[in-house]
Amino acid sequence: MGGSFEVIARGVPPGLGSYAQWDRKLDGRLAQAVMSIPAIKAVGIGRGPAAAALPGSRLHDEILPAGNRASVLGVVRPTNNAGGLEGASPTARKSGSPAT
């Protein structure tokens, strides 16, 4: 017997956590919290394990000028492969949100 589940975080402020200190990176802290549940055996963020099969050129979340599209920071990303995290810190996108 097994299963999987998805967690979607909303309202996470951009820049939370640290990209420089290993013990303050948001993705690491989230993985540690989830892995502390005894039945959990793996954690994936963004595309998770499927990312290992792709070259970086297909996985990278390109940054483009927003143009006439709504944007908090004046830029948009056509994809959300990183799951709303960049450099271990949240982006302005909702984690788990579809590409805009």
PDB file of N, CA and C in Angstrom:
ATOM      1  N   MET A   1       0.839  -1.154   0.000  1.00  0.00           N
ATOM      2  CA  MET A   1       0.000   0.000   0.000  1.00  0.00           C
ATOM      3  C   MET A   1       0.896   1.233   0.000  1.00  0.00           C
ATOM      4  N   GLY A   2       0.506   2.252  -0.717  1.00  0.00           N
ATOM      5  CA  GLY A   2       1.270   3.484  -0.774  1.00  0.00           C
ATOM      6  C   GLY A   2       0.404   4.604  -1.283  1.00  0.00           C
ATOM      7  N   GLY A   3       0.994   5.729  -1.422  1.00  0.00           N
ATOM      8  CA  GLY A   3       0.230   6.858  -1.924  1.00  0.00           C
ATOM      9  C   GLY A   3       1.099   8.089  -2.030  1.00  0.00           C
ATOM     10  N   SER A   4       0.497   9.139  -2.463  1.00  0.00           N
ATOM     11  CA  SER A   4       1.197  10.410  -2.547  1.00  0.00           C
ATOM     12  C   SER A   4       0.204  11.521  -2.259  1.00  0.00           C
ATOM     13  N   PHE A   5       0.715  12.695  -1.952  1.00  0.00           N
ATOM     14  CA  PHE A   5      -0.136  13.845  -1.711  1.00  0.00           C
ATOM     15  C   PHE A   5       0.594  15.094  -2.171  1.00  0.00           C
ATOM     16  N   GLU A   6      -0.153  16.163  -2.353  1.00  0.00           N
ATOM     17  CA  GLU A   6       0.399  17.432  -2.812  1.00  0.00           C
ATOM     18  C   GLU A   6       0.051  18.510  -1.802  1.00  0.00           C
ATOM     19  N   VAL A   7       1.010  19.345  -1.490  1.00  0.00           N
ATOM     20  CA  VAL A   7       0.800  20.472  -0.598  1.00  0.00           C
ATOM     21  C   VAL A   7       0.983  21.745  -1.413  1.00  0.00           C
ATOM     22  N   ILE A   8       0.022  22.648  -1.339  1.00  0.00           N
ATOM     23  CA  ILE A   8       0.100  23.929  -2.044  1.00  0.00           C
ATOM     24  C   ILE A   8       0.108  25.035  -0.996  1.00  0.00           C
ATOM     25  N   ALA A   9       1.144  25.851  -1.013  1.00  0.00           N
ATOM     26  CA  ALA A   9       1.270  26.965  -0.066  1.00  0.00           C
ATOM     27  C   ALA A   9       0.799  28.247  -0.729  1.00  0.00           C
ATOM     28  N   ARG A  10      -0.043  28.978  -0.058  1.00  0.00           N
ATOM     29  CA  ARG A  10      -0.534  30.259  -0.576  1.00  0.00           C
ATOM     30  C   ARG A  10      -0.145  31.367   0.409  1.00  0.00           C
ATOM     31  N   GLY A  11       0.130  32.540  -0.123  1.00  0.00           N
ATOM     32  CA  GLY A  11       0.452  33.682   0.727  1.00  0.00           C
ATOM     33  C   GLY A  11       1.866  33.667   1.279  1.00  0.00           C
ATOM     34  N   VAL A  12       2.746  32.867   0.709  1.00  0.00           N
ATOM     35  CA  VAL A  12       4.131  32.822   1.170  1.00  0.00           C
ATOM     36  C   VAL A  12       4.855  34.060   0.629  1.00  0.00           C
ATOM     37  N   PRO A  13       5.441  34.885   1.492  1.00  0.00           N
ATOM     38  CA  PRO A  13       6.097  36.105   1.002  1.00  0.00           C
ATOM     39  C   PRO A  13       7.360  35.792   0.208  1.00  0.00           C
ATOM     40  N   PRO A  14       7.578  36.500  -0.905  1.00  0.00           N
ATOM     41  CA  PRO A  14       8.816  36.296  -1.675  1.00  0.00           C
ATOM     42  C   PRO A  14      10.046  36.558  -0.808  1.00  0.00           C
ATOM     43  N   GLY A  15      11.069  35.747  -0.982  1.00  0.00           N
ATOM     44  CA  GLY A  15      12.325  35.948  -0.267  1.00  0.00           C
ATOM     45  C   GLY A  15      12.407  35.288   1.096  1.00  0.00           C
ATOM     46  N   LEU A  16      11.372  34.605   1.542  1.00  0.00           N
ATOM     47  CA  LEU A  16      11.404  33.928   2.837  1.00  0.00           C
ATOM     48  C   LEU A  16      12.489  32.863   2.824  1.00  0.00           C
ATOM     49  N   GLY A  17      13.239  32.746   3.890  1.00  0.00           N
ATOM     50  CA  GLY A  17      14.318  31.772   3.945  1.00  0.00           C
ATOM     51  C   GLY A  17      15.630  32.385   3.479  1.00  0.00           C
ATOM     52  N   SER A  18      16.579  31.545   3.135  1.00  0.00           N
ATOM     53  CA  SER A  18      17.901  32.011   2.724  1.00  0.00           C
ATOM     54  C   SER A  18      18.402  31.163   1.572  1.00  0.00           C
ATOM     55  N   TYR A  19      19.114  31.764   0.646  1.00  0.00           N
ATOM     56  CA  TYR A  19      19.740  30.994  -0.420  1.00  0.00           C
ATOM     57  C   TYR A  19      21.186  30.671  -0.068  1.00  0.00           C
ATOM     58  N   ALA A  20      21.731  31.336   0.928  1.00  0.00           N
ATOM     59  CA  ALA A  20      23.147  31.191   1.253  1.00  0.00           C
ATOM     60  C   ALA A  20      23.419  30.264   2.430  1.00  0.00           C
ATOM     61  N   GLN A  21      22.520  30.199   3.383  1.00  0.00           N
ATOM     62  CA  GLN A  21      22.760  29.385   4.578  1.00  0.00           C
ATOM     63  C   GLN A  21      22.005  28.071   4.454  1.00  0.00           C
ATOM     64  N   TRP A  22      22.731  26.968   4.479  1.00  0.00           N
ATOM     65  CA  TRP A  22      22.136  25.656   4.233  1.00  0.00           C
ATOM     66  C   TRP A  22      21.005  25.333   5.189  1.00  0.00           C
ATOM     67  N   ASP A  23      21.079  25.779   6.422  1.00  0.00           N
ATOM     68  CA  ASP A  23      20.071  25.409   7.409  1.00  0.00           C
ATOM     69  C   ASP A  23      18.862  26.350   7.411  1.00  0.00           C
ATOM     70  N   ARG A  24      18.858  27.367   6.537  1.00  0.00           N
ATOM     71  CA  ARG A  24      17.732  28.303   6.467  1.00  0.00           C
ATOM     72  C   ARG A  24      17.041  28.290   5.110  1.00  0.00           C
ATOM     73  N   LYS A  25      17.449  27.406   4.214  1.00  0.00           N
ATOM     74  CA  LYS A  25      16.820  27.318   2.890  1.00  0.00           C
ATOM     75  C   LYS A  25      15.413  26.755   3.035  1.00  0.00           C
ATOM     76  N   LEU A  26      14.447  27.428   2.423  1.00  0.00           N
ATOM     77  CA  LEU A  26      13.053  27.038   2.591  1.00  0.00           C
ATOM     78  C   LEU A  26      12.780  25.637   2.060  1.00  0.00           C
ATOM     79  N   ASP A  27      13.326  25.289   0.896  1.00  0.00           N
ATOM     80  CA  ASP A  27      13.055  23.949   0.360  1.00  0.00           C
ATOM     81  C   ASP A  27      13.607  22.865   1.281  1.00  0.00           C
ATOM     82  N   GLY A  28      14.773  23.086   1.866  1.00  0.00           N
ATOM     83  CA  GLY A  28      15.350  22.127   2.799  1.00  0.00           C
ATOM     84  C   GLY A  28      14.543  22.012   4.084  1.00  0.00           C
ATOM     85  N   ARG A  29      14.057  23.138   4.573  1.00  0.00           N
ATOM     86  CA  ARG A  29      13.264  23.118   5.804  1.00  0.00           C
ATOM     87  C   ARG A  29      11.915  22.437   5.577  1.00  0.00           C
ATOM     88  N   LEU A  30      11.316  22.671   4.396  1.00  0.00           N
ATOM     89  CA  LEU A  30      10.057  21.993   4.077  1.00  0.00           C
ATOM     90  C   LEU A  30      10.274  20.481   3.970  1.00  0.00           C
ATOM     91  N   ALA A  31      11.339  20.091   3.272  1.00  0.00           N
ATOM     92  CA  ALA A  31      11.632  18.658   3.123  1.00  0.00           C
ATOM     93  C   ALA A  31      11.900  18.021   4.487  1.00  0.00           C
ATOM     94  N   GLN A  32      12.626  18.706   5.349  1.00  0.00           N
ATOM     95  CA  GLN A  32      12.905  18.170   6.684  1.00  0.00           C
ATOM     96  C   GLN A  32      11.615  17.973   7.473  1.00  0.00           C
ATOM     97  N   ALA A  33      10.720  18.948   7.407  1.00  0.00           N
ATOM     98  CA  ALA A  33       9.461  18.835   8.144  1.00  0.00           C
ATOM     99  C   ALA A  33       8.627  17.662   7.634  1.00  0.00           C
ATOM    100  N   VAL A  34       8.529  17.529   6.306  1.00  0.00           N
ATOM    101  CA  VAL A  34       7.728  16.432   5.748  1.00  0.00           C
ATOM    102  C   VAL A  34       8.383  15.083   6.021  1.00  0.00           C
ATOM    103  N   MET A  35       9.706  15.012   5.887  1.00  0.00           N
ATOM    104  CA  MET A  35      10.408  13.744   6.121  1.00  0.00           C
ATOM    105  C   MET A  35      10.394  13.324   7.591  1.00  0.00           C
ATOM    106  N   SER A  36      10.038  14.232   8.497  1.00  0.00           N
ATOM    107  CA  SER A  36       9.958  13.855   9.909  1.00  0.00           C
ATOM    108  C   SER A  36       8.725  12.999  10.204  1.00  0.00           C
ATOM    109  N   ILE A  37       7.789  12.943   9.266  1.00  0.00           N
ATOM    110  CA  ILE A  37       6.627  12.056   9.404  1.00  0.00           C
ATOM    111  C   ILE A  37       7.113  10.638   9.084  1.00  0.00           C
ATOM    112  N   PRO A  38       6.994   9.693  10.020  1.00  0.00           N
ATOM    113  CA  PRO A  38       7.595   8.368   9.841  1.00  0.00           C
ATOM    114  C   PRO A  38       7.240   7.638   8.547  1.00  0.00           C
ATOM    115  N   ALA A  39       6.059   7.783   8.027  1.00  0.00           N
ATOM    116  CA  ALA A  39       5.665   7.022   6.837  1.00  0.00           C
ATOM    117  C   ALA A  39       6.180   7.631   5.532  1.00  0.00           C
ATOM    118  N   ILE A  40       6.687   8.852   5.562  1.00  0.00           N
ATOM    119  CA  ILE A  40       7.139   9.524   4.343  1.00  0.00           C
ATOM    120  C   ILE A  40       8.520   9.012   3.952  1.00  0.00           C
ATOM    121  N   LYS A  41       8.688   8.679   2.669  1.00  0.00           N
ATOM    122  CA  LYS A  41       9.955   8.148   2.178  1.00  0.00           C
ATOM    123  C   LYS A  41      10.595   9.007   1.096  1.00  0.00           C
ATOM    124  N   ALA A  42       9.881  10.018   0.584  1.00  0.00           N
ATOM    125  CA  ALA A  42      10.450  10.882  -0.447  1.00  0.00           C
ATOM    126  C   ALA A  42       9.715  12.215  -0.464  1.00  0.00           C
ATOM    127  N   VAL A  43      10.425  13.247  -0.906  1.00  0.00           N
ATOM    128  CA  VAL A  43       9.850  14.578  -1.046  1.00  0.00           C
ATOM    129  C   VAL A  43      10.258  15.114  -2.412  1.00  0.00           C
ATOM    130  N   GLY A  44       9.315  15.680  -3.132  1.00  0.00           N
ATOM    131  CA  GLY A  44       9.615  16.322  -4.404  1.00  0.00           C
ATOM    132  C   GLY A  44       9.064  17.737  -4.394  1.00  0.00           C
ATOM    133  N   ILE A  45       9.843  18.686  -4.876  1.00  0.00           N
ATOM    134  CA  ILE A  45       9.401  20.084  -4.960  1.00  0.00           C
ATOM    135  C   ILE A  45       9.395  20.472  -6.430  1.00  0.00           C
ATOM    136  N   GLY A  46       8.347  21.156  -6.842  1.00  0.00           N
ATOM    137  CA  GLY A  46       8.225  21.488  -8.259  1.00  0.00           C
ATOM    138  C   GLY A  46       7.930  20.225  -9.053  1.00  0.00           C
ATOM    139  N   ARG A  47       8.743  19.950 -10.037  1.00  0.00           N
ATOM    140  CA  ARG A  47       8.557  18.728 -10.830  1.00  0.00           C
ATOM    141  C   ARG A  47       9.062  17.492 -10.093  1.00  0.00           C
ATOM    142  N   GLY A  48       9.790  17.676  -9.018  1.00  0.00           N
ATOM    143  CA  GLY A  48      10.251  16.565  -8.199  1.00  0.00           C
ATOM    144  C   GLY A  48      11.139  15.597  -8.946  1.00  0.00           C
ATOM    145  N   PRO A  49      10.962  14.292  -8.735  1.00  0.00           N
ATOM    146  CA  PRO A  49      11.816  13.287  -9.365  1.00  0.00           C
ATOM    147  C   PRO A  49      11.798  13.318 -10.889  1.00  0.00           C
ATOM    148  N   ALA A  50      10.720  13.808 -11.496  1.00  0.00           N
ATOM    149  CA  ALA A  50      10.654  13.883 -12.962  1.00  0.00           C
ATOM    150  C   ALA A  50      11.710  14.838 -13.516  1.00  0.00           C
ATOM    151  N   ALA A  51      12.194  15.764 -12.693  1.00  0.00           N
ATOM    152  CA  ALA A  51      13.205  16.726 -13.138  1.00  0.00           C
ATOM    153  C   ALA A  51      14.528  16.047 -13.478  1.00  0.00           C
ATOM    154  N   ALA A  52      14.806  14.937 -12.855  1.00  0.00           N
ATOM    155  CA  ALA A  52      16.078  14.241 -13.087  1.00  0.00           C
ATOM    156  C   ALA A  52      16.207  13.723 -14.515  1.00  0.00           C
ATOM    157  N   ALA A  53      15.097  13.485 -15.171  1.00  0.00           N
ATOM    158  CA  ALA A  53      15.127  12.938 -16.525  1.00  0.00           C
ATOM    159  C   ALA A  53      15.207  14.019 -17.606  1.00  0.00           C
ATOM    160  N   LEU A  54      15.158  15.282 -17.212  1.00  0.00           N
ATOM    161  CA  LEU A  54      15.146  16.369 -18.193  1.00  0.00           C
ATOM    162  C   LEU A  54      16.468  17.129 -18.201  1.00  0.00           C
ATOM    163  N   PRO A  55      16.897  17.610 -19.367  1.00  0.00           N
ATOM    164  CA  PRO A  55      18.069  18.490 -19.390  1.00  0.00           C
ATOM    165  C   PRO A  55      17.680  19.846 -18.799  1.00  0.00           C
ATOM    166  N   GLY A  56      18.644  20.566 -18.270  1.00  0.00           N
ATOM    167  CA  GLY A  56      18.370  21.865 -17.665  1.00  0.00           C
ATOM    168  C   GLY A  56      17.681  22.831 -18.599  1.00  0.00           C
ATOM    169  N   SER A  57      17.955  22.738 -19.891  1.00  0.00           N
ATOM    170  CA  SER A  57      17.342  23.641 -20.858  1.00  0.00           C
ATOM    171  C   SER A  57      15.824  23.450 -20.942  1.00  0.00           C
ATOM    172  N   ARG A  58      15.315  22.281 -20.577  1.00  0.00           N
ATOM    173  CA  ARG A  58      13.869  22.026 -20.605  1.00  0.00           C
ATOM    174  C   ARG A  58      13.216  22.250 -19.254  1.00  0.00           C
ATOM    175  N   LEU A  59      14.032  22.369 -18.209  1.00  0.00           N
ATOM    176  CA  LEU A  59      13.507  22.484 -16.854  1.00  0.00           C
ATOM    177  C   LEU A  59      13.560  23.900 -16.312  1.00  0.00           C
ATOM    178  N   HIS A  60      14.468  24.706 -16.806  1.00  0.00           N
ATOM    179  CA  HIS A  60      14.662  26.065 -16.302  1.00  0.00           C
ATOM    180  C   HIS A  60      13.400  26.910 -16.477  1.00  0.00           C
ATOM    181  N   ASP A  61      13.027  27.667 -15.446  1.00  0.00           N
ATOM    182  CA  ASP A  61      11.893  28.584 -15.519  1.00  0.00           C
ATOM    183  C   ASP A  61      12.391  29.933 -16.031  1.00  0.00           C
ATOM    184  N   GLU A  62      12.243  30.141 -17.330  1.00  0.00           N
ATOM    185  CA  GLU A  62      12.729  31.352 -17.978  1.00  0.00           C
ATOM    186  C   GLU A  62      12.008  32.591 -17.431  1.00  0.00           C
ATOM    187  N   ILE A  63      12.746  33.690 -17.287  1.00  0.00           N
ATOM    188  CA  ILE A  63      12.187  34.957 -16.831  1.00  0.00           C
ATOM    189  C   ILE A  63      12.020  35.864 -18.050  1.00  0.00           C
ATOM    190  N   LEU A  64      10.790  36.352 -18.259  1.00  0.00           N
ATOM    191  CA  LEU A  64      10.484  37.205 -19.406  1.00  0.00           C
ATOM    192  C   LEU A  64       9.842  38.508 -18.931  1.00  0.00           C
ATOM    193  N   PRO A  65       9.986  39.600 -19.699  1.00  0.00           N
ATOM    194  CA  PRO A  65       9.297  40.842 -19.347  1.00  0.00           C
ATOM    195  C   PRO A  65       7.783  40.616 -19.339  1.00  0.00           C
ATOM    196  N   ALA A  66       7.097  41.239 -18.414  1.00  0.00           N
ATOM    197  CA  ALA A  66       5.659  41.029 -18.271  1.00  0.00           C
ATOM    198  C   ALA A  66       4.866  41.589 -19.443  1.00  0.00           C
ATOM    199  N   GLY A  67       5.364  42.652 -20.076  1.00  0.00           N
ATOM    200  CA  GLY A  67       4.601  43.254 -21.164  1.00  0.00           C
ATOM    201  C   GLY A  67       3.253  43.734 -20.645  1.00  0.00           C
ATOM    202  N   ASN A  68       2.159  43.280 -21.252  1.00  0.00           N
ATOM    203  CA  ASN A  68       0.824  43.703 -20.812  1.00  0.00           C
ATOM    204  C   ASN A  68       0.166  42.689 -19.873  1.00  0.00           C
ATOM    205  N   ARG A  69       0.916  41.680 -19.438  1.00  0.00           N
ATOM    206  CA  ARG A  69       0.365  40.685 -18.508  1.00  0.00           C
ATOM    207  C   ARG A  69       0.522  41.162 -17.060  1.00  0.00           C
ATOM    208  N   ALA A  70      -0.392  40.785 -16.204  1.00  0.00           N
ATOM    209  CA  ALA A  70      -0.335  41.172 -14.795  1.00  0.00           C
ATOM    210  C   ALA A  70       0.870  40.524 -14.131  1.00  0.00           C
ATOM    211  N   SER A  71       1.628  41.305 -13.383  1.00  0.00           N
ATOM    212  CA  SER A  71       2.811  40.784 -12.715  1.00  0.00           C
ATOM    213  C   SER A  71       3.141  41.640 -11.506  1.00  0.00           C
ATOM    214  N   VAL A  72       3.538  40.994 -10.416  1.00  0.00           N
ATOM    215  CA  VAL A  72       3.932  41.706  -9.203  1.00  0.00           C
ATOM    216  C   VAL A  72       5.280  42.381  -9.399  1.00  0.00           C
ATOM    217  N   LEU A  73       6.216  41.715 -10.050  1.00  0.00           N
ATOM    218  CA  LEU A  73       7.581  42.207 -10.175  1.00  0.00           C
ATOM    219  C   LEU A  73       7.943  42.707 -11.569  1.00  0.00           C
ATOM    220  N   GLY A  74       6.988  42.750 -12.493  1.00  0.00           N
ATOM    221  CA  GLY A  74       7.272  43.210 -13.841  1.00  0.00           C
ATOM    222  C   GLY A  74       7.845  42.146 -14.756  1.00  0.00           C
ATOM    223  N   VAL A  75       7.906  40.914 -14.280  1.00  0.00           N
ATOM    224  CA  VAL A  75       8.373  39.791 -15.086  1.00  0.00           C
ATOM    225  C   VAL A  75       7.401  38.632 -14.942  1.00  0.00           C
ATOM    226  N   VAL A  76       7.413  37.728 -15.896  1.00  0.00           N
ATOM    227  CA  VAL A  76       6.593  36.520 -15.827  1.00  0.00           C
ATOM    228  C   VAL A  76       7.456  35.311 -16.162  1.00  0.00           C
ATOM    229  N   ARG A  77       6.976  34.160 -15.791  1.00  0.00           N
ATOM    230  CA  ARG A  77       7.630  32.901 -16.121  1.00  0.00           C
ATOM    231  C   ARG A  77       6.599  32.015 -16.818  1.00  0.00           C
ATOM    232  N   PRO A  78       6.890  31.563 -18.031  1.00  0.00           N
ATOM    233  CA  PRO A  78       5.933  30.727 -18.745  1.00  0.00           C
ATOM    234  C   PRO A  78       5.709  29.368 -18.082  1.00  0.00           C
ATOM    235  N   THR A  79       6.645  28.933 -17.274  1.00  0.00           N
ATOM    236  CA  THR A  79       6.539  27.631 -16.598  1.00  0.00           C
ATOM    237  C   THR A  79       6.720  27.819 -15.095  1.00  0.00           C
ATOM    238  N   ASN A  80       6.400  26.784 -14.338  1.00  0.00           N
ATOM    239  CA  ASN A  80       6.588  26.786 -12.885  1.00  0.00           C
ATOM    240  C   ASN A  80       7.190  25.447 -12.470  1.00  0.00           C
ATOM    241  N   ASN A  81       8.262  25.043 -13.130  1.00  0.00           N
ATOM    242  CA  ASN A  81       8.890  23.754 -12.852  1.00  0.00           C
ATOM    243  C   ASN A  81       9.532  23.686 -11.475  1.00  0.00           C
ATOM    244  N   ALA A  82       9.947  24.827 -10.932  1.00  0.00           N
ATOM    245  CA  ALA A  82      10.604  24.851  -9.629  1.00  0.00           C
ATOM    246  C   ALA A  82       9.612  24.880  -8.477  1.00  0.00           C
ATOM    247  N   GLY A  83       8.326  24.921  -8.773  1.00  0.00           N
ATOM    248  CA  GLY A  83       7.320  24.875  -7.720  1.00  0.00           C
ATOM    249  C   GLY A  83       7.235  26.145  -6.899  1.00  0.00           C
ATOM    250  N   GLY A  84       7.580  27.291  -7.470  1.00  0.00           N
ATOM    251  CA  GLY A  84       7.483  28.548  -6.739  1.00  0.00           C
ATOM    252  C   GLY A  84       8.701  28.881  -5.910  1.00  0.00           C
ATOM    253  N   LEU A  85       9.781  28.095  -6.042  1.00  0.00           N
ATOM    254  CA  LEU A  85      11.013  28.354  -5.301  1.00  0.00           C
ATOM    255  C   LEU A  85      12.149  28.638  -6.273  1.00  0.00           C
ATOM    256  N   GLU A  86      12.985  29.588  -5.924  1.00  0.00           N
ATOM    257  CA  GLU A  86      14.183  29.861  -6.715  1.00  0.00           C
ATOM    258  C   GLU A  86      15.312  30.158  -5.748  1.00  0.00           C
ATOM    259  N   GLY A  87      16.417  29.438  -5.870  1.00  0.00           N
ATOM    260  CA  GLY A  87      17.512  29.632  -4.927  1.00  0.00           C
ATOM    261  C   GLY A  87      17.087  29.323  -3.510  1.00  0.00           C
ATOM    262  N   ALA A  88      16.161  28.408  -3.326  1.00  0.00           N
ATOM    263  CA  ALA A  88      15.640  27.964  -2.037  1.00  0.00           C
ATOM    264  C   ALA A  88      14.754  28.991  -1.359  1.00  0.00           C
ATOM    265  N   SER A  89      14.390  30.071  -2.059  1.00  0.00           N
ATOM    266  CA  SER A  89      13.489  31.084  -1.509  1.00  0.00           C
ATOM    267  C   SER A  89      12.259  31.187  -2.404  1.00  0.00           C
ATOM    268  N   PRO A  90      11.114  31.549  -1.815  1.00  0.00           N
ATOM    269  CA  PRO A  90       9.895  31.657  -2.626  1.00  0.00           C
ATOM    270  C   PRO A  90       9.975  32.793  -3.642  1.00  0.00           C
ATOM    271  N   THR A  91       9.377  32.559  -4.789  1.00  0.00           N
ATOM    272  CA  THR A  91       9.221  33.613  -5.784  1.00  0.00           C
ATOM    273  C   THR A  91       7.895  34.300  -5.507  1.00  0.00           C
ATOM    274  N   ALA A  92       7.521  35.254  -6.315  1.00  0.00           N
ATOM    275  CA  ALA A  92       6.246  35.951  -6.119  1.00  0.00           C
ATOM    276  C   ALA A  92       5.055  35.103  -6.535  1.00  0.00           C
ATOM    277  N   ARG A  93       5.316  33.950  -7.178  1.00  0.00           N
ATOM    278  CA  ARG A  93       4.228  33.059  -7.606  1.00  0.00           C
ATOM    279  C   ARG A  93       3.757  32.201  -6.471  1.00  0.00           C
ATOM    280  N   LYS A  94       2.523  31.777  -6.575  1.00  0.00           N
ATOM    281  CA  LYS A  94       2.010  30.815  -5.620  1.00  0.00           C
ATOM    282  C   LYS A  94       2.661  29.472  -5.877  1.00  0.00           C
ATOM    283  N   SER A  95       3.121  28.794  -4.852  1.00  0.00           N
ATOM    284  CA  SER A  95       3.672  27.457  -5.016  1.00  0.00           C
ATOM    285  C   SER A  95       2.592  26.546  -5.549  1.00  0.00           C
ATOM    286  N   GLY A  96       2.952  25.779  -6.545  1.00  0.00           N
ATOM    287  CA  GLY A  96       2.003  24.862  -7.146  1.00  0.00           C
ATOM    288  C   GLY A  96       1.072  25.513  -8.148  1.00  0.00           C
ATOM    289  N   SER A  97       1.247  26.817  -8.398  1.00  0.00           N
ATOM    290  CA  SER A  97       0.346  27.488  -9.344  1.00  0.00           C
ATOM    291  C   SER A  97       0.724  27.132 -10.782  1.00  0.00           C
ATOM    292  N   PRO A  98      -0.244  27.085 -11.656  1.00  0.00           N
ATOM    293  CA  PRO A  98       0.061  26.787 -13.045  1.00  0.00           C
ATOM    294  C   PRO A  98       0.800  27.949 -13.703  1.00  0.00           C
ATOM    295  N   ALA A  99       1.414  27.690 -14.809  1.00  0.00           N
ATOM    296  CA  ALA A  99       2.127  28.734 -15.544  1.00  0.00           C
ATOM    297  C   ALA A  99       1.154  29.792 -16.031  1.00  0.00           C
ATOM    298  N   THR A 100       1.634  31.045 -16.119  1.00  0.00           N
ATOM    299  CA  THR A 100       0.783  32.135 -16.617  1.00  0.00           C
ATOM    300  C   THR A 100       1.220  32.526 -18.002  1.00  0.00           C
TER     301      THR A 100
END
